[in-house]
Amino acid sequence: MRRLTACPPTMPPLDAVAIDRARERLDDLTKPLGSLGGLEPLIVRLAGIQGRVIPQVTRPIALIFAADHGVATKGVSAYDVDVTEQMAVNIAMGSAVSSVMARQSGIPLTVVDVGVRRTVRHPDVLVHKVMRGTRNITEGPAMTEAEVTHALTVGWDLVAAAIQDGHDLLVLGELGIANTTAAAAMASLLLNRTPRDLVGHGTGISDNQWNQKVAMIETALSVNSVDPADPQEIVRHVGGCEIAALVGAILSAAKHRVPVVLDGVTTGVAALTASRISTGTNAYLIAGHMSPEPAHAPILEALGLSPLLSLQLRLGEASGALLAMPIIRQALAVMAETATFSDARVSNPHRVDQPTTQERPEFLDEPVKDRFSDNEREAVYKVIRSRRDIRVFLPDPVPDAVLARILEAGHMGPSVGYMQPWNFILIRDLAIRQRLQRMVEQERVAAADHYNDRKRDYYLRLKVEGLVDAPLTLCVTNDPTRGGPHVLGRNTIPETDLMSTACAIENMWLAARAEGVAIGWVSMYQKSAIRELLGIPEHIDPAALLTIGYTPHFPEIPVLDRVGWGQRLDLNRLVFTDSWGNEARLSK
C-alpha cells in the first residue's frame, strides 16, 4: 500500500535538556514538590515537545474532520445518517457545543468534510471530500488504497499548512454517525480485544441496538481479513475517512513537533493507529478527557496517556479536548509566572545541591527562540527597515479604526517602572494646525543660522507644511511626574520617563508603516508656545509633534540620507565589548 512518504518511521525525540531544566524549574517554584499533580508531567512534556524550559501556546487551532459510514444504515446509531451534514453546518454556524467552547477559549475552529454523504453547504466548512461516505464494513473494506491514502494526506497537509501559518497546538475532533462503530472495530484489532469488551452505547443506543452493534463489528472483522500489524490496512478495511484524516493530522503535528490535544474514543483510536505507523508519536499527544466508551480507557493506556478530565462526556466534535484547553493554559501560565524560591528570596526547603562535577547550565530559563514564524519575523524587520520620516502628505482622512490601532501600539510601548508617562492630543482643527505650522516655520528659519551654507540650504528646504497638508497632527506629551518620585529608575536616571515616551512614539511609527500610513516628526518648536496653544499643564512636556496621514510615496532611503545631510553610520563602529572603545565585530 502507498504510504505517506513525508512521514518518518520514528518521530523526533523530545528535547531531553528542556525536560530536565523544566523539572528543575518546577521543583524550584514556590510550592511543595509535586503539588501540581498531573499538571507537572504535562508541563514537562510540553517543554520537551517545544524545546523550551517554559513552554507556551499562543495560537492553538481546532480541526473537526467529518465523514459518514456505510454501516450507519444498519441501525448502529440512535441518529439518522443525514445528521452528520446537519451538524457540520451547525458547528460552522457557531451554534454547536464545540463552537461555543472554541469561541469561549478564543480558538479558531474549522470543520473539514472528508467524507460526508451529502453536500455540505456552508462557506466556512472546508471541503476535501474523499468520497461520499465509506462502504459498509460488514460487506468488505471501507475504502480503497487510494481513498485511505487520500484521506491521510488531507489531514497531513492541512496540519502542515496550519503550522506553517504559525499555529502551535492542534485540538482534534471528529463528526460522523456510526464512527464509534468503526472506532471499536479498529480498537479490537489494535488492542487484540473482542468487540464485546470495547463496544459502548455511543450516542445513546438501546441494549438491542448495542447487541446489534457488537454483531455488526464481529461480522466486519470476519469479512475483512486484516493483518493487525498493519495499522494503515486496519483504517482502510474497518475505519473511516475522518479517522484516516485524523491519523494524517496527528502524524503531521508530531513530525513538526507540535502538541496534539485528543478528544474521545475516535480521536484516541486514530492516535493509537498513528503511534503504530510512526514510533514515538504518542510523546506528542495530550488526552483531553476520558469518555465512557469502554474502548477509550485501554486505548489511552496503550498510548501511555492520562486524561486531564473525566466528566462522562460522549459528545465528540472536539468538546472534551476544547474543555481541557483552559487547564493546559493555566498550567503553562503557572510555569511562566510563578516565582521561584530564588526569585521570591524565599529559602527553598527542598533544594538538593547538585554535585560539583555535574555540568549545569548557567541560566535556568531558556530564551524563547521561535515565537514567530519565519514569515512573521521577516514582516517585523521589513517594517523596521522601511520606516521613514515623511514630509509629503495627502489630505485623505485616516480611518478611526486605523488610528485607534496606531495609538494602541503606542500605548503598548514599554515604559520603565510601568509609568506610562504619555498622553496623546489629536489635532484635527485646521486653524490650530495652521498656528502650529507658523510656530514651527519661525523656529526653522531662526535655527538655520546655526548651519554653514550647504546645510543651511538643506535645512531651509525641509518641509513643515505637512502640519497643514496632513489631515491630522498628533502631539505626544510626557509627564515626568507620573508614577510618583520613586517609580523604578527615576531616582537614579530622572529621564526614564522621556525614554519611555520615545518607545511609545517608535511603536506608533512602526505600526503606522505597517498600516500604510505616513508619519513625520516635527522637532522645531518652543515647548512653552505649544503648551499655551494646546492648554498643556506647565509640568508636562510636549515631547513630539507627529504629522499623520497618507503619502503618495514612501522613499526607499531616508530623505536626509538622499539629500546628503548625513549617511547611516557603520554599526560595527558603534558596538563595543566590555568597555568603551573596545570594538566588537558582529557577523550577520
Protein backbone atom coordinates (compact mmCIF):
# COMPACT_ATOMS: atom_id res chain seq x y z
CA MET A 1 0.00 0.00 0.00
CA ARG A 2 1.16 3.53 -0.79
CA ARG A 3 2.25 5.32 2.41
CA LEU A 4 2.74 8.92 3.48
CA THR A 5 6.23 9.49 2.11
CA ALA A 6 6.79 12.56 4.30
CA CYS A 7 6.07 10.61 7.48
CA PRO A 8 9.19 9.25 9.20
CA PRO A 9 9.13 5.74 10.73
CA THR A 10 10.21 7.31 14.03
CA MET A 11 9.23 10.73 15.28
CA PRO A 12 11.89 13.15 16.57
CA PRO A 13 12.61 12.58 20.26
CA LEU A 14 11.62 15.13 22.87
CA ASP A 15 14.29 17.61 23.98
CA ALA A 16 15.93 15.93 26.97
CA VAL A 17 17.73 19.09 28.12
CA ALA A 18 14.50 21.10 28.11
CA ILE A 19 12.77 18.33 30.04
CA ASP A 20 15.46 18.25 32.74
CA ARG A 21 15.51 22.02 33.09
CA ALA A 22 11.70 22.21 33.16
CA ARG A 23 11.63 19.69 36.01
CA GLU A 24 14.27 21.70 37.82
CA ARG A 25 12.26 24.90 37.43
CA LEU A 26 9.05 23.18 38.57
CA ASP A 27 10.83 21.97 41.71
CA ASP A 28 12.10 25.49 42.34
CA LEU A 29 8.67 27.16 42.10
CA THR A 30 7.25 28.44 45.37
CA LYS A 31 5.12 25.36 46.07
CA PRO A 32 5.60 21.95 47.67
CA LEU A 33 7.30 19.35 45.49
CA GLY A 34 4.88 17.63 43.10
CA SER A 35 1.91 19.56 44.45
CA LEU A 36 0.53 20.30 40.99
CA GLY A 37 -0.08 16.59 40.47
CA GLY A 38 -0.81 15.64 36.87
CA LEU A 39 -0.11 19.15 35.62
CA GLU A 40 3.60 18.74 36.25
CA PRO A 41 4.22 15.89 33.78
CA LEU A 42 2.04 17.79 31.29
CA ILE A 43 4.21 20.90 31.61
CA VAL A 44 7.41 18.87 31.38
CA ARG A 45 6.23 17.03 28.27
CA LEU A 46 5.25 20.29 26.56
CA ALA A 47 8.71 21.61 27.42
CA GLY A 48 10.24 18.58 25.74
CA ILE A 49 8.00 18.92 22.68
CA GLN A 50 8.79 22.60 22.17
CA GLY A 51 12.40 22.51 23.36
CA ARG A 52 11.68 25.29 25.87
CA VAL A 53 12.08 25.32 29.61
CA ILE A 54 8.92 27.45 29.81
CA PRO A 55 6.59 26.19 27.07
CA GLN A 56 3.83 28.37 25.70
CA VAL A 57 0.79 28.08 23.48
CA THR A 58 -0.09 31.28 21.68
CA ARG A 59 -2.01 30.14 18.58
CA PRO A 60 -3.94 26.90 19.04
CA ILE A 61 -6.26 25.69 16.29
CA ALA A 62 -9.13 23.18 16.36
CA LEU A 63 -9.93 20.88 13.42
CA ILE A 64 -13.00 18.64 13.27
CA PHE A 65 -12.93 16.05 10.50
CA ALA A 66 -16.37 14.94 9.33
CA ALA A 67 -17.41 11.85 7.37
CA ASP A 68 -20.16 9.26 7.07
CA HIS A 69 -20.02 5.47 7.38
CA GLY A 70 -21.81 2.90 5.28
CA VAL A 71 -22.55 0.77 8.34
CA ALA A 72 -24.76 3.58 9.72
CA THR A 73 -27.64 2.27 7.60
CA LYS A 74 -27.66 -0.89 9.75
CA GLY A 75 -29.10 0.86 12.80
CA VAL A 76 -25.95 1.04 14.96
CA SER A 77 -26.67 4.67 15.93
CA ALA A 78 -29.56 6.50 17.51
CA TYR A 79 -29.29 9.18 14.83
CA ASP A 80 -30.23 9.30 11.15
CA VAL A 81 -27.42 9.17 8.59
CA ASP A 82 -28.14 12.75 7.44
CA VAL A 83 -27.27 14.21 10.86
CA THR A 84 -23.55 14.43 10.01
CA GLU A 85 -24.17 17.06 7.34
CA GLN A 86 -26.63 18.94 9.54
CA MET A 87 -24.21 19.02 12.48
CA ALA A 88 -21.31 20.13 10.27
CA VAL A 89 -23.37 23.16 9.26
CA ASN A 90 -24.45 23.75 12.88
CA ILE A 91 -20.81 23.82 14.02
CA ALA A 92 -19.81 26.15 11.18
CA MET A 93 -22.67 28.48 12.11
CA GLY A 94 -21.30 28.73 15.65
CA SER A 95 -24.35 27.09 17.24
CA ALA A 96 -22.96 23.74 18.39
CA VAL A 97 -21.41 22.87 21.76
CA SER A 98 -17.91 22.75 20.28
CA SER A 99 -18.49 26.10 18.56
CA VAL A 100 -19.38 27.72 21.86
CA MET A 101 -16.42 26.16 23.67
CA ALA A 102 -13.98 27.20 20.95
CA ARG A 103 -15.38 30.73 20.94
CA GLN A 104 -15.10 31.00 24.72
CA SER A 105 -11.46 29.91 24.54
CA GLY A 106 -10.62 32.12 21.57
CA ILE A 107 -9.61 29.12 19.46
CA PRO A 108 -10.37 29.12 15.72
CA LEU A 109 -12.38 26.02 14.81
CA THR A 110 -12.80 24.55 11.33
CA VAL A 111 -14.93 21.64 10.16
CA VAL A 112 -13.33 19.63 7.35
CA ASP A 113 -15.59 17.50 5.15
CA VAL A 114 -13.54 14.47 4.11
CA GLY A 115 -16.40 12.06 3.51
CA VAL A 116 -19.87 13.40 4.37
CA ARG A 117 -22.52 11.62 2.33
CA ARG A 118 -24.48 14.75 1.48
CA THR A 119 -23.16 18.02 0.09
CA VAL A 120 -22.32 20.36 2.98
CA ARG A 121 -23.50 23.82 2.01
CA HIS A 122 -21.75 26.30 4.26
CA PRO A 123 -18.89 28.60 3.21
CA ASP A 124 -16.93 28.02 6.43
CA VAL A 125 -16.76 24.24 6.02
CA LEU A 126 -13.55 23.14 4.29
CA VAL A 127 -14.44 20.58 1.65
CA HIS A 128 -11.76 17.96 0.91
CA LYS A 129 -14.20 15.17 0.14
CA VAL A 130 -12.52 11.83 -0.47
CA MET A 131 -15.82 10.01 -1.02
CA ARG A 132 -19.49 10.31 -0.06
CA GLY A 133 -19.37 8.04 2.97
CA THR A 134 -17.44 4.80 3.29
CA ARG A 135 -18.67 1.43 2.14
CA ASN A 136 -20.42 -0.87 4.60
CA ILE A 137 -17.67 -2.63 6.59
CA THR A 138 -19.90 -5.68 7.14
CA GLU A 139 -19.64 -6.36 3.42
CA GLY A 140 -15.98 -5.55 2.72
CA PRO A 141 -13.31 -2.84 3.06
CA ALA A 142 -14.49 0.65 3.93
CA MET A 143 -12.08 2.29 1.46
CA THR A 144 -9.74 1.54 -1.38
CA GLU A 145 -5.99 2.01 -1.02
CA ALA A 146 -6.19 5.26 -2.99
CA GLU A 147 -9.04 6.58 -0.84
CA VAL A 148 -7.37 5.92 2.51
CA THR A 149 -4.12 7.46 1.25
CA HIS A 150 -6.08 10.48 0.05
CA ALA A 151 -7.74 10.92 3.46
CA LEU A 152 -4.42 10.54 5.29
CA THR A 153 -2.89 13.18 3.03
CA VAL A 154 -5.74 15.63 3.62
CA GLY A 155 -5.11 15.53 7.37
CA TRP A 156 -1.34 15.73 6.93
CA ASP A 157 -1.42 18.68 4.52
CA LEU A 158 -3.98 20.74 6.46
CA VAL A 159 -1.99 20.48 9.68
CA ALA A 160 1.32 21.20 7.93
CA ALA A 161 -0.23 24.37 6.44
CA ALA A 162 -1.65 25.42 9.82
CA ILE A 163 1.77 25.01 11.45
CA GLN A 164 3.40 26.97 8.64
CA ASP A 165 0.86 29.70 9.39
CA GLY A 166 2.08 29.88 13.00
CA HIS A 167 -0.33 27.62 14.90
CA ASP A 168 1.47 25.91 17.77
CA LEU A 169 -1.07 23.43 19.19
CA LEU A 170 -3.63 21.20 17.49
CA VAL A 171 -7.03 20.41 19.03
CA LEU A 172 -8.64 17.46 17.24
CA GLY A 173 -12.22 16.30 16.95
CA GLU A 174 -14.46 14.29 14.64
CA LEU A 175 -18.02 14.15 13.42
CA GLY A 176 -19.76 11.17 11.84
CA ILE A 177 -22.75 8.99 12.57
CA ALA A 178 -21.59 5.41 13.40
CA ASN A 179 -17.94 6.37 13.81
CA THR A 180 -17.82 4.76 17.27
CA THR A 181 -18.65 1.50 15.47
CA ALA A 182 -15.65 1.96 13.21
CA ALA A 183 -13.51 3.05 16.16
CA ALA A 184 -14.46 -0.05 18.18
CA ALA A 185 -13.68 -2.31 15.21
CA MET A 186 -10.26 -0.71 14.83
CA ALA A 187 -9.60 -0.87 18.58
CA SER A 188 -10.44 -4.56 18.59
CA LEU A 189 -7.68 -5.21 16.05
CA LEU A 190 -5.15 -2.76 17.53
CA LEU A 191 -5.64 -3.97 21.12
CA ASN A 192 -6.35 -7.64 20.37
CA ARG A 193 -9.60 -7.46 22.35
CA THR A 194 -13.07 -8.75 21.49
CA PRO A 195 -15.69 -6.24 20.28
CA ARG A 196 -17.91 -7.13 23.23
CA ASP A 197 -15.20 -5.76 25.56
CA LEU A 198 -14.90 -2.49 23.68
CA VAL A 199 -18.30 -1.50 22.29
CA GLY A 200 -20.22 1.21 24.10
CA HIS A 201 -23.62 2.79 23.73
CA GLY A 202 -22.29 5.67 21.62
CA THR A 203 -24.89 8.37 21.22
CA GLY A 204 -27.39 6.55 23.42
CA ILE A 205 -28.50 3.36 21.71
CA SER A 206 -30.73 0.75 23.36
CA ASP A 207 -29.50 -2.64 24.60
CA ASN A 208 -30.93 -4.31 21.49
CA GLN A 209 -29.08 -1.84 19.29
CA TRP A 210 -25.93 -2.48 21.33
CA ASN A 211 -26.16 -6.21 20.68
CA GLN A 212 -26.72 -5.48 17.00
CA LYS A 213 -23.70 -3.16 17.00
CA VAL A 214 -21.48 -5.87 18.53
CA ALA A 215 -22.71 -8.37 15.96
CA MET A 216 -22.03 -5.92 13.12
CA ILE A 217 -18.45 -5.38 14.27
CA GLU A 218 -17.89 -9.12 14.67
CA THR A 219 -19.16 -9.59 11.12
CA ALA A 220 -16.92 -6.80 9.83
CA LEU A 221 -13.86 -8.37 11.44
CA SER A 222 -14.79 -11.72 9.97
CA VAL A 223 -15.43 -10.38 6.48
CA ASN A 224 -12.32 -8.23 6.40
CA SER A 225 -9.20 -10.30 6.73
CA VAL A 226 -6.85 -7.66 8.15
CA ASP A 227 -3.29 -8.01 9.35
CA PRO A 228 -3.44 -6.47 12.87
CA ALA A 229 0.23 -5.49 12.49
CA ASP A 230 -0.59 -3.18 9.56
CA PRO A 231 -2.29 -0.09 11.05
CA GLN A 232 -2.95 1.60 7.71
CA GLU A 233 -4.74 -1.51 6.46
CA ILE A 234 -6.86 -1.50 9.62
CA VAL A 235 -8.03 2.03 8.79
CA ARG A 236 -8.73 1.08 5.21
CA HIS A 237 -10.79 -2.02 6.00
CA VAL A 238 -12.86 -1.03 9.06
CA GLY A 239 -12.15 2.68 9.66
CA GLY A 240 -13.45 5.85 8.07
CA CYS A 241 -12.35 8.87 6.09
CA GLU A 242 -12.39 11.14 9.14
CA ILE A 243 -10.36 8.62 11.16
CA ALA A 244 -7.78 8.39 8.37
CA ALA A 245 -7.61 12.20 8.18
CA LEU A 246 -7.12 12.31 11.95
CA VAL A 247 -4.24 9.85 11.65
CA GLY A 248 -2.59 12.04 9.00
CA ALA A 249 -3.16 15.17 11.09
CA ILE A 250 -1.58 13.59 14.19
CA LEU A 251 1.44 12.34 12.27
CA SER A 252 1.94 15.75 10.65
CA ALA A 253 1.79 17.55 14.00
CA ALA A 254 4.27 15.15 15.61
CA LYS A 255 6.64 15.42 12.63
CA HIS A 256 6.63 19.21 13.11
CA ARG A 257 6.99 18.96 16.93
CA VAL A 258 3.54 20.41 17.68
CA PRO A 259 1.43 19.02 20.56
CA VAL A 260 -1.97 17.46 19.86
CA VAL A 261 -4.93 17.50 22.27
CA LEU A 262 -7.15 14.46 21.68
CA ASP A 263 -10.88 14.24 22.24
CA GLY A 264 -12.72 10.96 22.74
CA VAL A 265 -12.54 7.36 21.61
CA THR A 266 -12.45 8.09 17.86
CA THR A 267 -9.54 10.52 18.07
CA GLY A 268 -7.96 8.07 20.53
CA VAL A 269 -8.08 5.17 18.09
CA ALA A 270 -6.68 7.45 15.38
CA ALA A 271 -3.83 8.37 17.73
CA LEU A 272 -3.13 4.71 18.52
CA THR A 273 -3.04 4.00 14.79
CA ALA A 274 -0.64 6.88 14.22
CA SER A 275 1.62 5.64 17.01
CA ARG A 276 1.79 2.23 15.31
CA ILE A 277 2.68 3.86 11.97
CA SER A 278 5.46 6.03 13.42
CA THR A 279 7.17 5.18 16.70
CA GLY A 280 7.28 7.99 19.24
CA THR A 281 4.11 9.73 18.05
CA ASN A 282 2.43 9.27 21.44
CA ALA A 283 5.00 11.58 23.07
CA TYR A 284 3.31 14.48 21.28
CA LEU A 285 -0.21 13.63 22.45
CA ILE A 286 -2.34 15.02 25.29
CA ALA A 287 -5.52 13.21 26.33
CA GLY A 288 -8.12 15.91 26.84
CA HIS A 289 -10.57 13.66 28.65
CA MET A 290 -11.74 10.09 29.28
CA SER A 291 -15.04 9.17 27.65
CA PRO A 292 -17.37 6.44 28.98
CA GLU A 293 -16.83 4.37 25.81
CA PRO A 294 -15.28 1.08 27.01
CA ALA A 295 -12.56 1.22 24.35
CA HIS A 296 -11.25 4.60 25.43
CA ALA A 297 -9.51 3.59 28.67
CA PRO A 298 -7.46 0.73 27.13
CA ILE A 299 -6.60 2.96 24.16
CA LEU A 300 -5.19 5.65 26.45
CA GLU A 301 -3.39 3.00 28.48
CA ALA A 302 -1.78 1.63 25.31
CA LEU A 303 -0.70 5.20 24.43
CA GLY A 304 0.64 5.81 27.93
CA LEU A 305 -1.63 8.84 28.40
CA SER A 306 -3.53 10.07 31.45
CA PRO A 307 -6.66 12.13 30.70
CA LEU A 308 -6.91 15.66 32.06
CA LEU A 309 -10.68 15.33 32.61
CA SER A 310 -13.16 12.54 33.32
CA LEU A 311 -16.66 14.01 33.06
CA GLN A 312 -18.53 11.22 31.26
CA LEU A 313 -18.59 13.29 28.09
CA ARG A 314 -19.75 11.37 25.00
CA LEU A 315 -20.43 14.16 22.52
CA GLY A 316 -17.38 14.09 20.29
CA GLU A 317 -16.77 17.07 17.95
CA ALA A 318 -13.65 18.06 19.99
CA SER A 319 -15.75 19.04 23.03
CA GLY A 320 -13.61 17.23 25.60
CA ALA A 321 -10.37 18.46 24.03
CA LEU A 322 -11.63 22.06 23.98
CA LEU A 323 -12.78 21.77 27.59
CA ALA A 324 -9.22 20.75 28.54
CA MET A 325 -7.63 23.78 26.93
CA PRO A 326 -8.16 26.17 29.90
CA ILE A 327 -6.37 23.63 32.10
CA ILE A 328 -3.42 23.50 29.71
CA ARG A 329 -3.26 27.28 29.55
CA GLN A 330 -3.44 27.57 33.33
CA ALA A 331 -0.63 25.06 33.71
CA LEU A 332 1.61 26.97 31.30
CA ALA A 333 0.78 30.29 32.98
CA VAL A 334 1.77 28.82 36.34
CA MET A 335 5.07 27.64 34.88
CA ALA A 336 5.79 31.04 33.34
CA GLU A 337 4.61 33.41 36.06
CA THR A 338 5.01 31.69 39.42
CA ALA A 339 8.06 32.95 41.27
CA THR A 340 10.88 30.57 42.03
CA PHE A 341 12.23 30.42 45.57
CA SER A 342 15.23 32.41 44.42
CA ASP A 343 13.03 35.00 42.63
CA ALA A 344 10.93 35.49 45.77
CA ARG A 345 14.01 35.43 48.02
CA VAL A 346 12.47 32.59 49.98
CA SER A 347 14.51 29.69 51.30
CA ASN A 348 13.89 26.56 49.26
CA PRO A 349 13.13 23.79 51.78
CA HIS A 350 13.68 21.02 49.24
CA ARG A 351 16.67 22.22 47.27
CA VAL A 352 19.17 19.46 46.55
CA ASP A 353 22.68 20.70 45.85
CA GLN A 354 23.99 19.15 42.66
CA PRO A 355 27.44 17.51 42.69
CA THR A 356 30.12 19.97 41.65
CA THR A 357 31.29 17.57 38.92
CA GLN A 358 28.00 17.80 37.09
CA GLU A 359 27.85 20.37 34.32
CA ARG A 360 24.92 22.70 34.82
CA PRO A 361 23.54 25.40 32.54
CA GLU A 362 24.37 28.94 33.52
CA PHE A 363 20.73 30.01 33.35
CA LEU A 364 17.66 28.13 34.48
CA ASP A 365 15.43 29.56 31.77
CA GLU A 366 15.99 29.41 28.04
CA PRO A 367 15.22 32.30 25.70
CA VAL A 368 12.13 31.88 23.56
CA LYS A 369 13.55 31.44 20.08
CA ASP A 370 10.63 30.64 17.81
CA ARG A 371 7.55 32.52 18.92
CA PHE A 372 7.18 33.94 15.41
CA SER A 373 7.19 32.07 12.14
CA ASP A 374 9.84 32.97 9.56
CA ASN A 375 7.28 34.99 7.58
CA GLU A 376 6.13 36.88 10.67
CA ARG A 377 9.71 37.63 11.70
CA GLU A 378 10.56 38.92 8.25
CA ALA A 379 7.45 41.15 8.31
CA VAL A 380 8.62 42.75 11.57
CA TYR A 381 12.06 43.52 10.14
CA LYS A 382 10.54 44.75 6.88
CA VAL A 383 8.53 47.35 8.79
CA ILE A 384 11.62 48.42 10.74
CA ARG A 385 13.75 48.73 7.60
CA SER A 386 11.10 50.71 5.72
CA ARG A 387 10.16 53.22 8.43
CA ARG A 388 10.70 56.74 7.08
CA ASP A 389 10.24 60.32 8.28
CA ILE A 390 7.68 61.62 5.75
CA ARG A 391 7.14 65.26 4.71
CA VAL A 392 4.70 64.90 1.78
CA PHE A 393 1.08 64.08 2.65
CA LEU A 394 -2.30 63.59 1.02
CA PRO A 395 -5.43 65.16 2.58
CA ASP A 396 -7.33 61.86 2.74
CA PRO A 397 -8.51 61.17 6.29
CA VAL A 398 -7.10 58.24 8.27
CA PRO A 399 -10.00 55.95 9.35
CA ASP A 400 -10.65 55.98 13.08
CA ALA A 401 -10.13 52.20 13.31
CA VAL A 402 -6.64 52.52 11.79
CA LEU A 403 -5.79 55.48 14.01
CA ALA A 404 -7.00 53.57 17.08
CA ARG A 405 -4.68 50.66 16.25
CA ILE A 406 -1.72 53.02 15.83
CA LEU A 407 -2.45 54.73 19.16
CA GLU A 408 -2.90 51.33 20.83
CA ALA A 409 0.54 50.36 19.55
CA GLY A 410 1.96 53.46 21.20
CA HIS A 411 0.13 52.73 24.42
CA MET A 412 1.57 49.19 24.38
CA GLY A 413 5.08 50.66 24.39
CA PRO A 414 7.44 49.56 27.15
CA SER A 415 7.91 52.03 29.98
CA VAL A 416 10.35 51.99 32.86
CA GLY A 417 8.55 51.06 36.07
CA TYR A 418 5.35 50.81 34.04
CA MET A 419 4.93 54.56 34.47
CA GLN A 420 3.24 55.09 31.04
CA PRO A 421 4.05 58.81 31.03
CA TRP A 422 2.42 59.64 27.69
CA ASN A 423 -0.76 61.39 26.59
CA PHE A 424 -1.94 61.86 23.00
CA ILE A 425 -3.60 65.04 21.71
CA LEU A 426 -5.33 64.60 18.33
CA ILE A 427 -5.29 67.91 16.46
CA ARG A 428 -7.76 67.94 13.59
CA ASP A 429 -8.77 71.62 13.63
CA LEU A 430 -7.17 73.31 10.62
CA ALA A 431 -6.86 76.68 12.34
CA ILE A 432 -4.87 75.15 15.20
CA ARG A 433 -2.66 73.24 12.77
CA GLN A 434 -2.02 76.45 10.82
CA ARG A 435 -0.89 78.17 14.00
CA LEU A 436 1.38 75.21 14.76
CA GLN A 437 2.84 75.47 11.27
CA ARG A 438 3.64 79.17 11.71
CA MET A 439 5.33 78.49 15.07
CA VAL A 440 7.44 75.71 13.58
CA GLU A 441 8.33 77.79 10.49
CA GLN A 442 9.54 80.64 12.67
CA GLU A 443 11.82 78.29 14.62
CA ARG A 444 13.05 76.62 11.44
CA VAL A 445 14.18 79.89 9.91
CA ALA A 446 15.84 81.01 13.15
CA ALA A 447 17.65 77.67 13.55
CA ALA A 448 19.05 77.80 10.01
CA ASP A 449 21.59 80.39 11.10
CA HIS A 450 23.41 77.68 13.10
CA TYR A 451 24.48 75.83 9.94
CA ASN A 452 27.05 76.52 7.23
CA ASP A 453 25.93 77.49 3.75
CA ARG A 454 25.31 73.99 2.33
CA LYS A 455 23.49 72.68 5.35
CA ARG A 456 21.58 75.95 5.72
CA ASP A 457 20.19 75.43 2.22
CA TYR A 458 19.16 71.84 3.02
CA TYR A 459 17.64 72.92 6.32
CA LEU A 460 15.54 75.66 4.76
CA ARG A 461 14.22 73.17 2.21
CA LEU A 462 12.81 70.88 4.89
CA LYS A 463 9.04 70.88 4.58
CA VAL A 464 6.94 71.75 7.58
CA GLU A 465 3.77 72.16 5.54
CA GLY A 466 2.82 68.60 6.48
CA LEU A 467 1.29 70.14 9.57
CA VAL A 468 -1.48 71.55 7.37
CA ASP A 469 -1.32 69.13 4.41
CA ALA A 470 -1.86 66.01 6.53
CA PRO A 471 -5.36 65.54 7.96
CA LEU A 472 -4.08 65.14 11.50
CA THR A 473 -1.30 66.24 13.82
CA LEU A 474 -0.62 64.27 16.97
CA CYS A 475 1.02 65.89 19.97
CA VAL A 476 2.63 63.29 22.23
CA THR A 477 3.22 64.59 25.72
CA ASN A 478 5.47 63.34 28.50
CA ASP A 479 4.55 63.57 32.18
CA PRO A 480 7.76 63.37 34.28
CA THR A 481 5.74 63.04 37.49
CA ARG A 482 3.51 60.09 36.59
CA GLY A 483 4.06 57.14 38.88
CA GLY A 484 5.48 59.29 41.65
CA PRO A 485 9.04 60.27 42.53
CA HIS A 486 10.17 56.75 43.35
CA VAL A 487 8.95 54.91 40.25
CA LEU A 488 11.52 52.36 39.09
CA GLY A 489 14.61 54.01 37.66
CA ARG A 490 13.61 57.62 38.28
CA ASN A 491 15.64 58.07 41.47
CA THR A 492 18.91 57.40 39.61
CA ILE A 493 18.03 58.24 35.98
CA PRO A 494 15.44 61.03 36.02
CA GLU A 495 14.88 60.97 32.24
CA THR A 496 13.49 57.42 32.20
CA ASP A 497 10.05 58.90 31.51
CA LEU A 498 11.29 60.52 28.31
CA MET A 499 12.91 57.21 27.26
CA SER A 500 9.56 55.53 27.77
CA THR A 501 7.68 58.11 25.71
CA ALA A 502 10.23 57.67 22.90
CA CYS A 503 9.42 53.94 22.89
CA ALA A 504 5.71 54.75 22.52
CA ILE A 505 6.45 57.07 19.59
CA GLU A 506 8.57 54.46 17.83
CA ASN A 507 5.84 51.85 18.32
CA MET A 508 3.32 54.16 16.64
CA TRP A 509 5.73 54.89 13.81
CA LEU A 510 6.23 51.20 13.07
CA ALA A 511 2.52 50.41 13.39
CA ALA A 512 1.67 53.26 11.03
CA ARG A 513 4.15 51.95 8.45
CA ALA A 514 2.54 48.50 8.67
CA GLU A 515 -0.85 50.18 8.07
CA GLY A 516 0.47 52.12 5.06
CA VAL A 517 0.16 55.39 6.97
CA ALA A 518 2.93 58.01 6.95
CA ILE A 519 4.29 59.88 9.96
CA GLY A 520 6.53 62.92 10.04
CA TRP A 521 8.27 64.01 13.25
CA VAL A 522 8.45 67.78 13.67
CA SER A 523 11.05 68.79 16.23
CA MET A 524 11.37 72.56 15.75
CA TYR A 525 9.23 74.40 18.27
CA GLN A 526 9.30 76.14 21.62
CA LYS A 527 7.68 73.97 24.30
CA SER A 528 6.18 76.97 26.03
CA ALA A 529 4.39 78.05 22.85
CA ILE A 530 2.94 74.58 22.28
CA ARG A 531 1.82 74.37 25.92
CA GLU A 532 -0.02 77.66 25.61
CA LEU A 533 -1.66 76.80 22.29
CA LEU A 534 -2.86 73.35 23.35
CA GLY A 535 -3.57 74.10 27.02
CA ILE A 536 -0.97 71.62 28.28
CA PRO A 537 -0.19 71.88 32.03
CA GLU A 538 3.14 73.50 32.88
CA HIS A 539 4.73 70.36 34.34
CA ILE A 540 4.04 68.26 31.22
CA ASP A 541 6.33 68.38 28.19
CA PRO A 542 5.09 68.31 24.59
CA ALA A 543 7.60 65.61 23.55
CA ALA A 544 6.72 65.39 19.86
CA LEU A 545 4.54 66.75 17.10
CA LEU A 546 3.73 63.99 14.61
CA THR A 547 2.02 64.66 11.28
CA ILE A 548 -0.11 61.66 10.33
CA GLY A 549 -1.71 60.82 7.00
CA TYR A 550 -1.34 59.01 3.72
CA THR A 551 1.51 59.79 1.36
CA PRO A 552 1.90 59.35 -2.41
CA HIS A 553 5.34 57.80 -1.93
CA PHE A 554 7.41 56.05 0.72
CA PRO A 555 11.08 56.73 -0.22
CA GLU A 556 13.47 53.81 -0.40
CA ILE A 557 16.05 55.62 1.75
CA PRO A 558 15.69 58.35 4.38
CA VAL A 559 15.30 61.84 2.89
CA LEU A 560 18.22 63.28 4.87
CA ASP A 561 20.42 60.49 3.53
CA ARG A 562 19.26 61.08 -0.04
CA VAL A 563 19.89 64.85 0.03
CA GLY A 564 23.33 64.41 1.55
CA TRP A 565 22.63 65.71 5.04
CA GLY A 566 24.20 62.59 6.52
CA GLN A 567 24.73 58.89 5.98
CA ARG A 568 23.94 55.89 8.13
CA LEU A 569 26.86 55.09 10.43
CA ASP A 570 28.58 51.74 10.40
CA LEU A 571 27.02 49.64 13.17
CA ASN A 572 30.29 47.85 13.91
CA ARG A 573 31.90 51.18 14.83
CA LEU A 574 29.19 51.78 17.42
CA VAL A 575 29.30 48.43 19.23
CA PHE A 576 31.87 47.87 21.95
CA THR A 577 32.65 44.85 24.10
CA ASP A 578 33.08 45.14 27.89
CA SER A 579 34.43 48.72 27.82
CA TRP A 580 34.20 51.93 25.78
CA GLY A 581 36.22 51.84 22.59
CA ASN A 582 36.83 48.08 22.59
CA GLU A 583 35.28 47.44 19.18
CA ALA A 584 33.10 44.36 18.68
CA ARG A 585 32.78 42.90 15.19
CA LEU A 586 29.34 41.40 14.62
CA SER A 587 28.83 38.75 11.96
CA LYS A 588 25.47 38.61 10.19
